[in-house]
């Protein structure tokens, strides 16, 4: 996502104001975290809570047409902070330049697509076991609080990726 100098300055001012608000203790920290995240969600738009990986089980569910059994998981990586921890760390730690805190926020905004059953286990995944979704693609774009799985876009891509991971064994 490319932001111009004016947009970066505006977001840096927001960041500084939210830090100040948090220090006043007028508002509970969770309210400041939610407000900051809501505003940044509007900035990120379709890339907010972007899905960067998908489990094999979730890929198979999407291919079968069971994508309603798939959801975004925020805590699926061992190195990813929760949404609350991420924002509070940005707003209470050392004061950062825009590029620093925005990169940190973006890194911890990523999600993994997994089945509801997988999400329920609380398992933390190693990225090497997951299918990586290309960063600048229009795959699995946000749709409200969910994401799109289109028969002519995501499904063919998933089939191709799954075939590369697990070639079909055909007897001849």
C-alpha atoms as a PDB file:
ATOM      1  CA  UNK A   1       0.000   0.000   0.000  1.00  0.00           C
ATOM      2  CA  UNK A   2       1.430   3.318  -1.096  1.00  0.00           C
ATOM      3  CA  UNK A   3       0.655   6.384   0.999  1.00  0.00           C
ATOM      4  CA  UNK A   4       1.722   9.861  -0.048  1.00  0.00           C
ATOM      5  CA  UNK A   5       3.672  12.234   2.210  1.00  0.00           C
ATOM      6  CA  UNK A   6       0.504  14.126   3.234  1.00  0.00           C
ATOM      7  CA  UNK A   7      -1.280  10.888   4.180  1.00  0.00           C
ATOM      8  CA  UNK A   8       1.754   9.684   6.137  1.00  0.00           C
ATOM      9  CA  UNK A   9       1.928  12.980   8.012  1.00  0.00           C
ATOM     10  CA  UNK A  10      -1.785  12.793   8.839  1.00  0.00           C
ATOM     11  CA  UNK A  11      -1.397   9.233  10.170  1.00  0.00           C
ATOM     12  CA  UNK A  12       1.709  10.208  12.135  1.00  0.00           C
ATOM     13  CA  UNK A  13      -0.299  13.001  13.781  1.00  0.00           C
ATOM     14  CA  UNK A  14      -3.071  10.517  14.584  1.00  0.00           C
ATOM     15  CA  UNK A  15      -0.493   8.155  16.104  1.00  0.00           C
ATOM     16  CA  UNK A  16       0.899  10.960  18.300  1.00  0.00           C
ATOM     17  CA  UNK A  17      -2.589  12.068  19.375  1.00  0.00           C
ATOM     18  CA  UNK A  18      -3.585   8.501  20.275  1.00  0.00           C
ATOM     19  CA  UNK A  19      -0.391   8.129  22.324  1.00  0.00           C
ATOM     20  CA  UNK A  20      -1.273  11.317  24.171  1.00  0.00           C
ATOM     21  CA  UNK A  21      -4.886  10.212  24.710  1.00  0.00           C
ATOM     22  CA  UNK A  22      -3.723   6.908  26.136  1.00  0.00           C
ATOM     23  CA  UNK A  23      -1.444   8.696  28.616  1.00  0.00           C
ATOM     24  CA  UNK A  24      -4.294  10.908  29.912  1.00  0.00           C
ATOM     25  CA  UNK A  25      -6.158   7.826  31.202  1.00  0.00           C
ATOM     26  CA  UNK A  26      -9.462   9.558  30.329  1.00  0.00           C
ATOM     27  CA  UNK A  27     -10.364   6.582  28.132  1.00  0.00           C
ATOM     28  CA  UNK A  28      -9.734   2.910  28.804  1.00  0.00           C
ATOM     29  CA  UNK A  29      -6.803   1.502  26.760  1.00  0.00           C
ATOM     30  CA  UNK A  30      -9.042  -0.950  24.898  1.00  0.00           C
ATOM     31  CA  UNK A  31     -11.160   1.977  23.623  1.00  0.00           C
ATOM     32  CA  UNK A  32      -8.064   3.750  22.294  1.00  0.00           C
ATOM     33  CA  UNK A  33      -6.845   0.501  20.707  1.00  0.00           C
ATOM     34  CA  UNK A  34     -10.180  -0.085  18.994  1.00  0.00           C
ATOM     35  CA  UNK A  35     -10.440   3.491  17.742  1.00  0.00           C
ATOM     36  CA  UNK A  36      -6.897   3.441  16.349  1.00  0.00           C
ATOM     37  CA  UNK A  37      -7.476   0.067  14.685  1.00  0.00           C
ATOM     38  CA  UNK A  38     -10.815   1.157  13.234  1.00  0.00           C
ATOM     39  CA  UNK A  39      -9.237   4.214  11.617  1.00  0.00           C
ATOM     40  CA  UNK A  40      -6.335   2.181  10.232  1.00  0.00           C
ATOM     41  CA  UNK A  41      -8.847  -0.377   8.940  1.00  0.00           C
ATOM     42  CA  UNK A  42     -10.297   2.409   6.812  1.00  0.00           C
ATOM     43  CA  UNK A  43      -6.815   3.226   5.530  1.00  0.00           C
ATOM     44  CA  UNK A  44      -5.960  -0.406   4.721  1.00  0.00           C
ATOM     45  CA  UNK A  45      -9.437  -1.041   3.252  1.00  0.00           C
ATOM     46  CA  UNK A  46      -9.355  -4.376   1.382  1.00  0.00           C
ATOM     47  CA  UNK A  47      -5.915  -5.145   2.830  1.00  0.00           C
ATOM     48  CA  UNK A  48      -7.027  -4.892   6.463  1.00  0.00           C
ATOM     49  CA  UNK A  49      -6.575  -8.221   8.220  1.00  0.00           C
ATOM     50  CA  UNK A  50      -5.063  -9.420   4.955  1.00  0.00           C
ATOM     51  CA  UNK A  51      -4.670 -13.139   4.559  1.00  0.00           C
ATOM     52  CA  UNK A  52      -1.079 -14.032   3.828  1.00  0.00           C
ATOM     53  CA  UNK A  53      -1.335 -17.829   4.170  1.00  0.00           C
ATOM     54  CA  UNK A  54      -3.861 -20.656   4.029  1.00  0.00           C
ATOM     55  CA  UNK A  55      -3.760 -24.129   5.560  1.00  0.00           C
ATOM     56  CA  UNK A  56      -4.085 -27.224   3.379  1.00  0.00           C
ATOM     57  CA  UNK A  57      -7.381 -28.119   5.092  1.00  0.00           C
ATOM     58  CA  UNK A  58      -8.803 -24.660   4.409  1.00  0.00           C
ATOM     59  CA  UNK A  59      -7.624 -24.815   0.782  1.00  0.00           C
ATOM     60  CA  UNK A  60      -9.349 -28.173   0.335  1.00  0.00           C
ATOM     61  CA  UNK A  61     -12.544 -26.824   1.921  1.00  0.00           C
ATOM     62  CA  UNK A  62     -12.547 -23.858  -0.489  1.00  0.00           C
ATOM     63  CA  UNK A  63     -11.984 -26.157  -3.463  1.00  0.00           C
ATOM     64  CA  UNK A  64     -14.928 -28.326  -2.328  1.00  0.00           C
ATOM     65  CA  UNK A  65     -17.113 -25.210  -2.020  1.00  0.00           C
ATOM     66  CA  UNK A  66     -17.157 -25.301   1.788  1.00  0.00           C
ATOM     67  CA  UNK A  67     -15.526 -21.884   2.190  1.00  0.00           C
ATOM     68  CA  UNK A  68     -18.067 -20.948   4.872  1.00  0.00           C
ATOM     69  CA  UNK A  69     -16.126 -23.358   7.112  1.00  0.00           C
ATOM     70  CA  UNK A  70     -12.999 -21.199   6.639  1.00  0.00           C
ATOM     71  CA  UNK A  71     -12.140 -18.118   8.636  1.00  0.00           C
ATOM     72  CA  UNK A  72      -9.294 -15.705   9.225  1.00  0.00           C
ATOM     73  CA  UNK A  73      -7.164 -16.401  12.275  1.00  0.00           C
ATOM     74  CA  UNK A  74      -5.142 -13.657  13.877  1.00  0.00           C
ATOM     75  CA  UNK A  75      -3.033 -15.678  16.303  1.00  0.00           C
ATOM     76  CA  UNK A  76      -1.874 -18.445  14.009  1.00  0.00           C
ATOM     77  CA  UNK A  77       1.782 -17.341  13.835  1.00  0.00           C
ATOM     78  CA  UNK A  78       4.125 -17.655  16.797  1.00  0.00           C
ATOM     79  CA  UNK A  79       5.678 -14.247  16.040  1.00  0.00           C
ATOM     80  CA  UNK A  80       2.412 -12.337  15.676  1.00  0.00           C
ATOM     81  CA  UNK A  81       1.083 -10.200  18.511  1.00  0.00           C
ATOM     82  CA  UNK A  82      -2.624 -10.008  19.219  1.00  0.00           C
ATOM     83  CA  UNK A  83      -4.429  -6.977  17.861  1.00  0.00           C
ATOM     84  CA  UNK A  84      -4.579  -5.413  21.330  1.00  0.00           C
ATOM     85  CA  UNK A  85      -0.921  -6.135  22.183  1.00  0.00           C
ATOM     86  CA  UNK A  86       0.255  -4.787  18.834  1.00  0.00           C
ATOM     87  CA  UNK A  87      -1.539  -1.469  19.144  1.00  0.00           C
ATOM     88  CA  UNK A  88      -0.757  -0.903  22.816  1.00  0.00           C
ATOM     89  CA  UNK A  89       2.922  -1.656  22.149  1.00  0.00           C
ATOM     90  CA  UNK A  90       2.936   0.952  19.354  1.00  0.00           C
ATOM     91  CA  UNK A  91       1.131   3.550  21.462  1.00  0.00           C
ATOM     92  CA  UNK A  92       2.993   3.073  24.759  1.00  0.00           C
ATOM     93  CA  UNK A  93       6.513   2.115  23.666  1.00  0.00           C
ATOM     94  CA  UNK A  94       9.191   4.424  22.379  1.00  0.00           C
ATOM     95  CA  UNK A  95       7.925   7.081  20.003  1.00  0.00           C
ATOM     96  CA  UNK A  96       8.440   5.876  16.439  1.00  0.00           C
ATOM     97  CA  UNK A  97       8.576   7.404  12.996  1.00  0.00           C
ATOM     98  CA  UNK A  98       5.689   6.623  10.655  1.00  0.00           C
ATOM     99  CA  UNK A  99       7.611   3.999   8.622  1.00  0.00           C
ATOM    100  CA  UNK A 100       8.559   2.115  11.801  1.00  0.00           C
ATOM    101  CA  UNK A 101       5.187   1.870  13.510  1.00  0.00           C
ATOM    102  CA  UNK A 102       3.271   1.372  10.241  1.00  0.00           C
ATOM    103  CA  UNK A 103       5.506  -1.558   9.228  1.00  0.00           C
ATOM    104  CA  UNK A 104       5.126  -3.080  12.696  1.00  0.00           C
ATOM    105  CA  UNK A 105       1.351  -2.655  12.559  1.00  0.00           C
ATOM    106  CA  UNK A 106       1.180  -4.139   9.047  1.00  0.00           C
ATOM    107  CA  UNK A 107       3.276  -7.172   9.996  1.00  0.00           C
ATOM    108  CA  UNK A 108       1.014  -7.978  12.934  1.00  0.00           C
ATOM    109  CA  UNK A 109      -2.157  -7.355  10.887  1.00  0.00           C
ATOM    110  CA  UNK A 110      -1.672 -10.468   8.733  1.00  0.00           C
ATOM    111  CA  UNK A 111      -3.925 -13.498   9.117  1.00  0.00           C
ATOM    112  CA  UNK A 112      -4.081 -17.166   8.149  1.00  0.00           C
ATOM    113  CA  UNK A 113      -7.117 -18.727   6.504  1.00  0.00           C
ATOM    114  CA  UNK A 114      -7.992 -21.939   8.304  1.00  0.00           C
ATOM    115  CA  UNK A 115     -10.993 -24.094   9.002  1.00  0.00           C
ATOM    116  CA  UNK A 116     -13.091 -23.391  12.062  1.00  0.00           C
ATOM    117  CA  UNK A 117     -11.963 -26.743  13.474  1.00  0.00           C
ATOM    118  CA  UNK A 118      -8.289 -25.797  13.066  1.00  0.00           C
ATOM    119  CA  UNK A 119      -8.908 -22.400  14.620  1.00  0.00           C
ATOM    120  CA  UNK A 120     -10.625 -24.023  17.579  1.00  0.00           C
ATOM    121  CA  UNK A 121      -7.464 -25.950  18.467  1.00  0.00           C
ATOM    122  CA  UNK A 122      -5.465 -22.765  19.011  1.00  0.00           C
ATOM    123  CA  UNK A 123      -2.578 -24.297  17.087  1.00  0.00           C
ATOM    124  CA  UNK A 124       0.268 -21.989  16.126  1.00  0.00           C
ATOM    125  CA  UNK A 125       1.586 -22.695  12.625  1.00  0.00           C
ATOM    126  CA  UNK A 126       5.037 -22.681  11.109  1.00  0.00           C
ATOM    127  CA  UNK A 127       4.845 -20.625   7.913  1.00  0.00           C
ATOM    128  CA  UNK A 128       6.680 -23.347   5.982  1.00  0.00           C
ATOM    129  CA  UNK A 129       3.684 -25.698   6.393  1.00  0.00           C
ATOM    130  CA  UNK A 130       1.226 -23.207   4.891  1.00  0.00           C
ATOM    131  CA  UNK A 131       0.426 -22.062   1.374  1.00  0.00           C
ATOM    132  CA  UNK A 132       1.643 -18.484   0.941  1.00  0.00           C
ATOM    133  CA  UNK A 133      -0.871 -16.136  -0.678  1.00  0.00           C
ATOM    134  CA  UNK A 134       0.908 -13.645  -2.970  1.00  0.00           C
ATOM    135  CA  UNK A 135       1.106 -10.279  -1.187  1.00  0.00           C
ATOM    136  CA  UNK A 136      -0.040  -7.962  -3.960  1.00  0.00           C
ATOM    137  CA  UNK A 137      -2.650 -10.272  -5.414  1.00  0.00           C
ATOM    138  CA  UNK A 138      -6.385  -9.813  -5.361  1.00  0.00           C
ATOM    139  CA  UNK A 139      -6.887 -13.257  -3.865  1.00  0.00           C
ATOM    140  CA  UNK A 140      -9.205 -13.659  -0.857  1.00  0.00           C
ATOM    141  CA  UNK A 141     -10.058  -9.947  -0.745  1.00  0.00           C
ATOM    142  CA  UNK A 142     -11.999  -8.620   2.201  1.00  0.00           C
ATOM    143  CA  UNK A 143     -15.751  -8.613   2.036  1.00  0.00           C
ATOM    144  CA  UNK A 144     -17.127  -7.014   5.177  1.00  0.00           C
ATOM    145  CA  UNK A 145     -15.866  -9.026   8.120  1.00  0.00           C
ATOM    146  CA  UNK A 146     -15.122 -12.012   5.867  1.00  0.00           C
ATOM    147  CA  UNK A 147     -13.313 -12.597   2.554  1.00  0.00           C
ATOM    148  CA  UNK A 148     -14.194 -13.690  -0.962  1.00  0.00           C
ATOM    149  CA  UNK A 149     -13.639 -17.132  -2.428  1.00  0.00           C
ATOM    150  CA  UNK A 150     -14.496 -16.897  -6.118  1.00  0.00           C
ATOM    151  CA  UNK A 151     -14.915 -19.965  -8.325  1.00  0.00           C
ATOM    152  CA  UNK A 152     -13.012 -18.373 -11.211  1.00  0.00           C
ATOM    153  CA  UNK A 153     -10.220 -16.751  -9.182  1.00  0.00           C
ATOM    154  CA  UNK A 154      -9.318 -18.325  -5.829  1.00  0.00           C
ATOM    155  CA  UNK A 155     -10.449 -21.893  -6.584  1.00  0.00           C
ATOM    156  CA  UNK A 156      -8.283 -22.397  -9.733  1.00  0.00           C
ATOM    157  CA  UNK A 157      -5.323 -20.829  -7.908  1.00  0.00           C
ATOM    158  CA  UNK A 158      -5.838 -23.172  -4.939  1.00  0.00           C
ATOM    159  CA  UNK A 159      -6.125 -26.231  -7.189  1.00  0.00           C
ATOM    160  CA  UNK A 160      -2.857 -25.308  -8.911  1.00  0.00           C
ATOM    161  CA  UNK A 161      -1.090 -24.707  -5.588  1.00  0.00           C
ATOM    162  CA  UNK A 162      -2.366 -27.933  -4.059  1.00  0.00           C
ATOM    163  CA  UNK A 163      -1.241 -29.906  -7.130  1.00  0.00           C
ATOM    164  CA  UNK A 164       2.232 -28.401  -6.765  1.00  0.00           C
ATOM    165  CA  UNK A 165       2.308 -29.458  -3.087  1.00  0.00           C
ATOM    166  CA  UNK A 166       0.755 -32.893  -3.516  1.00  0.00           C
ATOM    167  CA  UNK A 167       0.972 -34.208  -7.092  1.00  0.00           C
ATOM    168  CA  UNK A 168      -1.840 -36.541  -8.017  1.00  0.00           C
ATOM    169  CA  UNK A 169      -0.943 -40.179  -7.885  1.00  0.00           C
ATOM    170  CA  UNK A 170      -2.493 -41.817 -10.955  1.00  0.00           C
ATOM    171  CA  UNK A 171      -2.024 -45.446 -11.864  1.00  0.00           C
ATOM    172  CA  UNK A 172      -1.337 -45.991 -15.554  1.00  0.00           C
END
